[in-house]
Amino acid sequence: MCKSKFCLCPQGVGNTLGQELFRFSEAMETGAIPIVLAGREENGKTYWESLFDRKVPNFIAGENWNDCLAQFQELIKDSDKCENIRKE
């Protein structure tokens, strides 16, 4: 993973910590950009927005995998932006 620029981070089965998961932590530690699903909560925010108390620019969070793919395809067009996100 240390050589990866991106990392798919599907939610674990029976994860008692909500959407926080081991693969997400590994990705952040190695500098890979995590790609996660981000369903909306009752307050209208995604789990990740609530967790970090802001919009989260340093990873890809989509409503579904197709949304994640669209964000990924947009991000890889701009290598400078991609590297800046990896360094955050």
C-alpha atoms as a PDB file:
ATOM      1  CA  MET A   1       0.000   0.000   0.000  1.00  0.00           C
ATOM      2  CA  CYS A   2       2.948   2.336   0.535  1.00  0.00           C
ATOM      3  CA  LYS A   3       3.296   2.675  -3.248  1.00  0.00           C
ATOM      4  CA  SER A   4      -0.437   3.192  -3.818  1.00  0.00           C
ATOM      5  CA  LYS A   5      -1.908   6.615  -4.462  1.00  0.00           C
ATOM      6  CA  PHE A   6      -5.477   5.473  -3.741  1.00  0.00           C
ATOM      7  CA  CYS A   7      -7.056   2.786  -1.559  1.00  0.00           C
ATOM      8  CA  LEU A   8     -10.601   1.400  -1.647  1.00  0.00           C
ATOM      9  CA  CYS A   9     -11.935   1.238   1.915  1.00  0.00           C
ATOM     10  CA  PRO A  10     -15.237  -0.646   2.039  1.00  0.00           C
ATOM     11  CA  GLN A  11     -17.064  -0.717   5.347  1.00  0.00           C
ATOM     12  CA  GLY A  12     -16.312  -3.799   7.425  1.00  0.00           C
ATOM     13  CA  VAL A  13     -18.985  -6.350   8.285  1.00  0.00           C
ATOM     14  CA  GLY A  14     -20.266  -5.969  11.828  1.00  0.00           C
ATOM     15  CA  ASN A  15     -17.990  -2.998  12.404  1.00  0.00           C
ATOM     16  CA  THR A  16     -18.877  -1.763  15.910  1.00  0.00           C
ATOM     17  CA  LEU A  17     -17.054   1.515  15.344  1.00  0.00           C
ATOM     18  CA  GLY A  18     -19.390   2.677  12.597  1.00  0.00           C
ATOM     19  CA  GLN A  19     -17.531   3.398   9.379  1.00  0.00           C
ATOM     20  CA  GLU A  20     -14.115   3.823  10.955  1.00  0.00           C
ATOM     21  CA  LEU A  21     -12.093   0.954   9.657  1.00  0.00           C
ATOM     22  CA  PHE A  22      -8.639  -0.472   9.650  1.00  0.00           C
ATOM     23  CA  ARG A  23      -8.072  -0.055   5.894  1.00  0.00           C
ATOM     24  CA  PHE A  24      -8.949   3.660   6.143  1.00  0.00           C
ATOM     25  CA  SER A  25      -6.366   4.160   8.904  1.00  0.00           C
ATOM     26  CA  GLU A  26      -3.739   2.253   6.935  1.00  0.00           C
ATOM     27  CA  ALA A  27      -4.391   4.365   3.866  1.00  0.00           C
ATOM     28  CA  MET A  28      -4.055   7.619   5.813  1.00  0.00           C
ATOM     29  CA  GLU A  29      -0.835   6.433   7.472  1.00  0.00           C
ATOM     30  CA  THR A  30       0.787   5.410   4.187  1.00  0.00           C
ATOM     31  CA  GLY A  31      -0.215   8.516   2.232  1.00  0.00           C
ATOM     32  CA  ALA A  32      -2.757   6.781   0.000  1.00  0.00           C
ATOM     33  CA  ILE A  33      -6.013   8.620  -0.632  1.00  0.00           C
ATOM     34  CA  PRO A  34      -8.867   6.588   0.912  1.00  0.00           C
ATOM     35  CA  ILE A  35     -11.994   5.983  -1.175  1.00  0.00           C
ATOM     36  CA  VAL A  36     -15.025   5.416   1.065  1.00  0.00           C
ATOM     37  CA  LEU A  37     -18.811   5.317   0.947  1.00  0.00           C
ATOM     38  CA  ALA A  38     -20.448   8.199   2.749  1.00  0.00           C
ATOM     39  CA  GLY A  39     -24.147   7.763   3.408  1.00  0.00           C
ATOM     40  CA  ARG A  40     -26.099  10.684   4.842  1.00  0.00           C
ATOM     41  CA  GLU A  41     -27.071  10.801   8.505  1.00  0.00           C
ATOM     42  CA  GLU A  42     -30.263  12.342   9.903  1.00  0.00           C
ATOM     43  CA  ASN A  43     -28.503  15.711  10.276  1.00  0.00           C
ATOM     44  CA  GLY A  44     -27.793  15.772   6.522  1.00  0.00           C
ATOM     45  CA  LYS A  45     -24.047  15.328   6.970  1.00  0.00           C
ATOM     46  CA  THR A  46     -22.094  12.271   5.976  1.00  0.00           C
ATOM     47  CA  TYR A  47     -20.557  10.128   8.693  1.00  0.00           C
ATOM     48  CA  TRP A  48     -17.144  11.504   7.728  1.00  0.00           C
ATOM     49  CA  GLU A  49     -18.261  15.164   7.856  1.00  0.00           C
ATOM     50  CA  SER A  50     -19.654  14.530  11.341  1.00  0.00           C
ATOM     51  CA  LEU A  51     -16.505  12.703  12.429  1.00  0.00           C
ATOM     52  CA  PHE A  52     -14.124  15.428  11.246  1.00  0.00           C
ATOM     53  CA  ASP A  53     -16.598  18.324  11.777  1.00  0.00           C
ATOM     54  CA  ARG A  54     -15.952  19.666   8.279  1.00  0.00           C
ATOM     55  CA  LYS A  55     -16.002  18.721   4.626  1.00  0.00           C
ATOM     56  CA  VAL A  56     -13.191  16.256   4.189  1.00  0.00           C
ATOM     57  CA  PRO A  57     -10.980  17.151   1.234  1.00  0.00           C
ATOM     58  CA  ASN A  58      -8.214  14.613   1.832  1.00  0.00           C
ATOM     59  CA  PHE A  59     -10.128  11.561   0.660  1.00  0.00           C
ATOM     60  CA  ILE A  60     -12.850  10.535  -1.750  1.00  0.00           C
ATOM     61  CA  ALA A  61     -16.236   9.980  -0.124  1.00  0.00           C
ATOM     62  CA  GLY A  62     -19.155   9.138  -2.393  1.00  0.00           C
ATOM     63  CA  GLU A  63     -22.816   8.257  -1.927  1.00  0.00           C
ATOM     64  CA  ASN A  64     -22.140   5.055  -3.913  1.00  0.00           C
ATOM     65  CA  TRP A  65     -19.207   3.451  -5.738  1.00  0.00           C
ATOM     66  CA  ASN A  66     -20.166   5.112  -9.043  1.00  0.00           C
ATOM     67  CA  ASP A  67     -19.992   8.502  -7.320  1.00  0.00           C
ATOM     68  CA  CYS A  68     -16.568   7.553  -5.922  1.00  0.00           C
ATOM     69  CA  LEU A  69     -15.443   6.527  -9.411  1.00  0.00           C
ATOM     70  CA  ALA A  70     -16.528   9.880 -10.874  1.00  0.00           C
ATOM     71  CA  GLN A  71     -14.605  11.764  -8.160  1.00  0.00           C
ATOM     72  CA  PHE A  72     -11.563   9.543  -8.697  1.00  0.00           C
ATOM     73  CA  GLN A  73     -11.617  10.125 -12.464  1.00  0.00           C
ATOM     74  CA  GLU A  74     -11.816  13.879 -11.911  1.00  0.00           C
ATOM     75  CA  LEU A  75      -9.001  13.887  -9.363  1.00  0.00           C
ATOM     76  CA  ILE A  76      -6.516  11.901 -11.446  1.00  0.00           C
ATOM     77  CA  LYS A  77      -6.750  14.552 -14.180  1.00  0.00           C
ATOM     78  CA  ASP A  78      -4.913  16.975 -11.863  1.00  0.00           C
ATOM     79  CA  SER A  79      -1.700  15.383 -10.579  1.00  0.00           C
ATOM     80  CA  ASP A  80      -0.752  18.472  -8.505  1.00  0.00           C
ATOM     81  CA  LYS A  81      -4.079  18.426  -6.665  1.00  0.00           C
ATOM     82  CA  CYS A  82      -3.737  14.685  -6.136  1.00  0.00           C
ATOM     83  CA  GLU A  83      -0.282  15.056  -4.583  1.00  0.00           C
ATOM     84  CA  ASN A  84      -1.429  17.946  -2.377  1.00  0.00           C
ATOM     85  CA  ILE A  85      -4.274  15.810  -1.025  1.00  0.00           C
ATOM     86  CA  ARG A  86      -1.873  12.933  -0.342  1.00  0.00           C
ATOM     87  CA  LYS A  87       0.383  15.243   1.680  1.00  0.00           C
ATOM     88  CA  GLU A  88      -2.402  16.663   3.900  1.00  0.00           C
END
